[in-house]
Amino acid sequence: ISTSERKKITSIIEDSSIY
């Protein structure tokens, strides 16, 4: 898994953390 992909996934997880 590349760093950029990890960063993307992390961003999605953080966005999902709102609820």
PDB file of N, CA and C in Angstrom:
ATOM      1  N   ILE A   1       0.881  -1.198   0.000  1.00  0.00           N
ATOM      2  CA  ILE A   1       0.000   0.000   0.000  1.00  0.00           C
ATOM      3  C   ILE A   1       0.909   1.237   0.000  1.00  0.00           C
ATOM      4  N   SER A   2       0.592   2.172  -0.880  1.00  0.00           N
ATOM      5  CA  SER A   2       1.457   3.352  -0.990  1.00  0.00           C
ATOM      6  C   SER A   2       1.065   4.412   0.038  1.00  0.00           C
ATOM      7  N   THR A   3       1.979   5.332   0.281  1.00  0.00           N
ATOM      8  CA  THR A   3       1.726   6.364   1.274  1.00  0.00           C
ATOM      9  C   THR A   3       0.542   7.226   0.890  1.00  0.00           C
ATOM     10  N   SER A   4       0.462   7.576  -0.375  1.00  0.00           N
ATOM     11  CA  SER A   4      -0.654   8.424  -0.823  1.00  0.00           C
ATOM     12  C   SER A   4      -1.982   7.694  -0.638  1.00  0.00           C
ATOM     13  N   GLU A   5      -1.973   6.394  -0.871  1.00  0.00           N
ATOM     14  CA  GLU A   5      -3.210   5.625  -0.681  1.00  0.00           C
ATOM     15  C   GLU A   5      -3.585   5.597   0.798  1.00  0.00           C
ATOM     16  N   ARG A   6      -2.582   5.415   1.642  1.00  0.00           N
ATOM     17  CA  ARG A   6      -2.846   5.401   3.087  1.00  0.00           C
ATOM     18  C   ARG A   6      -3.406   6.732   3.529  1.00  0.00           C
ATOM     19  N   LYS A   7      -2.822   7.816   3.010  1.00  0.00           N
ATOM     20  CA  LYS A   7      -3.300   9.154   3.379  1.00  0.00           C
ATOM     21  C   LYS A   7      -4.751   9.332   2.944  1.00  0.00           C
ATOM     22  N   LYS A   8      -5.054   8.817   1.776  1.00  0.00           N
ATOM     23  CA  LYS A   8      -6.428   8.928   1.264  1.00  0.00           C
ATOM     24  C   LYS A   8      -7.386   8.176   2.183  1.00  0.00           C
ATOM     25  N   ILE A   9      -7.025   6.959   2.543  1.00  0.00           N
ATOM     26  CA  ILE A   9      -7.883   6.149   3.417  1.00  0.00           C
ATOM     27  C   ILE A   9      -8.044   6.841   4.766  1.00  0.00           C
ATOM     28  N   THR A  10      -6.955   7.370   5.286  1.00  0.00           N
ATOM     29  CA  THR A  10      -7.015   8.042   6.580  1.00  0.00           C
ATOM     30  C   THR A  10      -7.983   9.215   6.522  1.00  0.00           C
ATOM     31  N   SER A  11      -7.925   9.966   5.432  1.00  0.00           N
ATOM     32  CA  SER A  11      -8.817  11.118   5.278  1.00  0.00           C
ATOM     33  C   SER A  11     -10.262  10.660   5.259  1.00  0.00           C
ATOM     34  N   ILE A  12     -10.528   9.566   4.567  1.00  0.00           N
ATOM     35  CA  ILE A  12     -11.899   9.043   4.493  1.00  0.00           C
ATOM     36  C   ILE A  12     -12.361   8.617   5.883  1.00  0.00           C
ATOM     37  N   ILE A  13     -11.493   7.968   6.626  1.00  0.00           N
ATOM     38  CA  ILE A  13     -11.845   7.510   7.970  1.00  0.00           C
ATOM     39  C   ILE A  13     -12.144   8.715   8.859  1.00  0.00           C
ATOM     40  N   GLU A  14     -11.323   9.744   8.760  1.00  0.00           N
ATOM     41  CA  GLU A  14     -11.551  10.935   9.583  1.00  0.00           C
ATOM     42  C   GLU A  14     -12.875  11.582   9.215  1.00  0.00           C
ATOM     43  N   ASP A  15     -13.186  11.603   7.927  1.00  0.00           N
ATOM     44  CA  ASP A  15     -14.458  12.178   7.492  1.00  0.00           C
ATOM     45  C   ASP A  15     -15.611  11.350   8.054  1.00  0.00           C
ATOM     46  N   SER A  16     -15.430  10.047   8.128  1.00  0.00           N
ATOM     47  CA  SER A  16     -16.486   9.181   8.628  1.00  0.00           C
ATOM     48  C   SER A  16     -16.602   9.284  10.147  1.00  0.00           C
ATOM     49  N   SER A  17     -15.562   9.797  10.787  1.00  0.00           N
ATOM     50  CA  SER A  17     -15.548   9.894  12.240  1.00  0.00           C
ATOM     51  C   SER A  17     -16.460  11.010  12.744  1.00  0.00           C
ATOM     52  N   ILE A  18     -16.956  11.841  11.850  1.00  0.00           N
ATOM     53  CA  ILE A  18     -17.785  12.975  12.261  1.00  0.00           C
ATOM     54  C   ILE A  18     -19.006  12.479  13.032  1.00  0.00           C
ATOM     55  N   TYR A  19     -19.620  11.414  12.557  1.00  0.00           N
ATOM     56  CA  TYR A  19     -20.776  10.889  13.266  1.00  0.00           C
ATOM     57  C   TYR A  19     -20.259   9.938  14.345  1.00  0.00           C
TER      58      TYR A  19
END
